[in-house]
Protein backbone atom coordinates (compact mmCIF):
# COMPACT_ATOMS: atom_id res chain seq x y z
CA MET A 1 19.79 62.29 12.80
CA LYS A 2 22.60 60.65 14.66
CA ARG A 3 25.59 58.43 14.03
CA ASN A 4 24.81 54.72 13.73
CA ILE A 5 21.10 55.41 13.60
CA CYS A 6 20.19 51.70 13.34
CA LYS A 7 22.55 50.71 16.16
CA LEU A 8 24.57 48.31 14.02
CA ASP A 9 27.83 46.65 15.04
CA ASP A 10 30.99 48.36 13.85
CA HIS A 11 32.23 47.24 10.43
CA VAL A 12 29.04 45.35 9.66
CA VAL A 13 28.28 44.26 6.09
CA LEU A 14 24.79 45.40 5.15
CA ILE A 15 23.89 42.31 3.11
CA LYS A 16 24.56 40.16 6.18
CA ILE A 17 22.01 41.97 8.36
CA GLU A 18 18.93 39.78 8.38
CA ASP A 19 16.56 42.31 9.91
CA LEU A 20 17.70 45.46 8.07
CA PRO A 21 14.19 46.31 6.80
CA THR A 22 12.89 46.12 10.37
CA LEU A 23 15.77 48.24 11.67
CA ARG A 24 15.16 50.82 8.94
CA ALA A 25 11.46 50.96 9.77
CA THR A 26 12.17 51.25 13.49
CA TYR A 27 15.01 53.77 13.51
CA ILE A 28 14.67 55.67 10.24
CA GLY A 29 11.01 55.46 9.27
CA ASN A 30 9.25 56.78 6.20
CA THR A 31 9.40 60.45 7.15
CA LEU A 32 13.17 60.64 7.61
CA GLU A 33 13.74 58.46 4.55
CA TYR A 34 11.58 60.82 2.48
CA ALA A 35 13.34 63.89 3.87
CA CYS A 36 16.77 62.45 3.11
CA GLN A 37 15.76 61.57 -0.45
CA PHE A 38 13.86 64.66 -1.49
CA TRP A 39 15.00 67.71 0.49
CA THR A 40 17.00 69.03 -2.42
CA ASN A 41 13.93 68.84 -4.66
CA HIS A 42 12.27 71.25 -2.25
CA LEU A 43 15.44 73.34 -2.07
CA SER A 44 15.37 73.87 -5.82
CA GLU A 45 11.94 75.49 -5.49
CA ILE A 46 13.33 78.34 -3.33
CA PRO A 47 14.01 81.32 -5.59
CA GLY A 48 17.59 82.54 -5.51
CA ASN A 49 16.49 86.12 -4.94
CA SER A 50 14.10 85.34 -2.08
CA ASP A 51 14.46 87.02 1.29
CA SER A 52 15.32 83.68 2.84
CA GLY A 53 18.16 82.90 0.41
CA GLU A 54 20.94 83.80 2.84
CA ASP A 55 19.26 81.88 5.67
CA VAL A 56 18.99 78.81 3.47
CA GLN A 57 22.64 79.15 2.44
CA LYS A 58 23.62 79.23 6.12
CA ALA A 59 21.46 76.16 6.80
CA ILE A 60 23.17 74.30 3.94
CA GLU A 61 26.59 75.23 5.30
CA ASP A 62 25.54 74.01 8.75
CA PHE A 63 24.22 70.80 7.19
CA PHE A 64 27.57 70.06 5.54
CA ALA A 65 29.45 70.90 8.73
CA MET A 66 27.29 68.84 11.11
CA ASP A 67 24.87 66.44 9.38
CA PHE A 68 26.32 65.41 6.03
CA LEU A 69 27.70 62.05 7.17
CA PHE A 70 24.45 61.19 8.97
CA TRP A 71 22.54 61.93 5.76
CA VAL A 72 24.88 59.69 3.76
CA GLU A 73 24.44 56.94 6.36
CA VAL A 74 20.65 57.04 6.01
CA LEU A 75 20.92 57.02 2.21
CA ILE A 76 23.18 53.97 2.35
CA LEU A 77 20.95 52.11 4.81
CA THR A 78 17.86 52.79 2.70
CA GLY A 79 19.59 51.82 -0.55
CA ASN A 80 19.42 55.35 -1.95
CA LEU A 81 23.03 56.50 -2.11
CA GLU A 82 22.71 57.36 -5.82
CA ILE A 83 20.07 59.93 -4.87
CA GLY A 84 22.73 61.63 -2.76
CA LEU A 85 24.96 62.06 -5.79
CA HIS A 86 22.18 63.79 -7.70
CA ALA A 87 21.27 65.81 -4.61
CA LEU A 88 24.82 67.15 -4.32
CA HIS A 89 24.55 68.38 -7.88
CA ASP A 90 21.19 70.03 -7.10
CA ILE A 91 22.69 71.74 -4.05
CA GLU A 92 25.61 73.02 -6.07
CA GLN A 93 23.31 74.35 -8.79
CA TRP A 94 21.05 76.12 -6.29
CA TYR A 95 23.99 77.55 -4.39
CA MET A 96 25.56 78.90 -7.58
CA LEU A 97 22.24 80.45 -8.64
CA VAL A 98 21.80 82.15 -5.28
CA SER A 99 25.37 83.41 -5.27
CA TYR A 100 24.96 84.78 -8.79
CA THR A 101 21.58 86.36 -7.98
CA GLN A 102 22.97 88.04 -4.87
CA LYS A 103 25.77 89.61 -6.92
CA ILE A 104 23.24 91.11 -9.34
CA TYR A 105 21.05 92.66 -6.64
């Protein structure tokens, strides 16, 4: 993902973009849209005590450091920002579970 993925003018109002569906299809596509909407659903399926737990934690930390705003941009452009709010909760829940599980083992 990258900043200004649809190559819009600065300070543009989304409802005034006539070809937004075309821009979304061209620059975002179904695969990235799906990934942005549902990655935390897949995250929640990773057991907290799995061998990859620490690697996933590191990937989440990297995501927040480098890609978070790009993710939010895609969610806004696809009309799915509310999914991001739920996803943040899912991330927090998974992260707390992993942290708790690591303390036990």
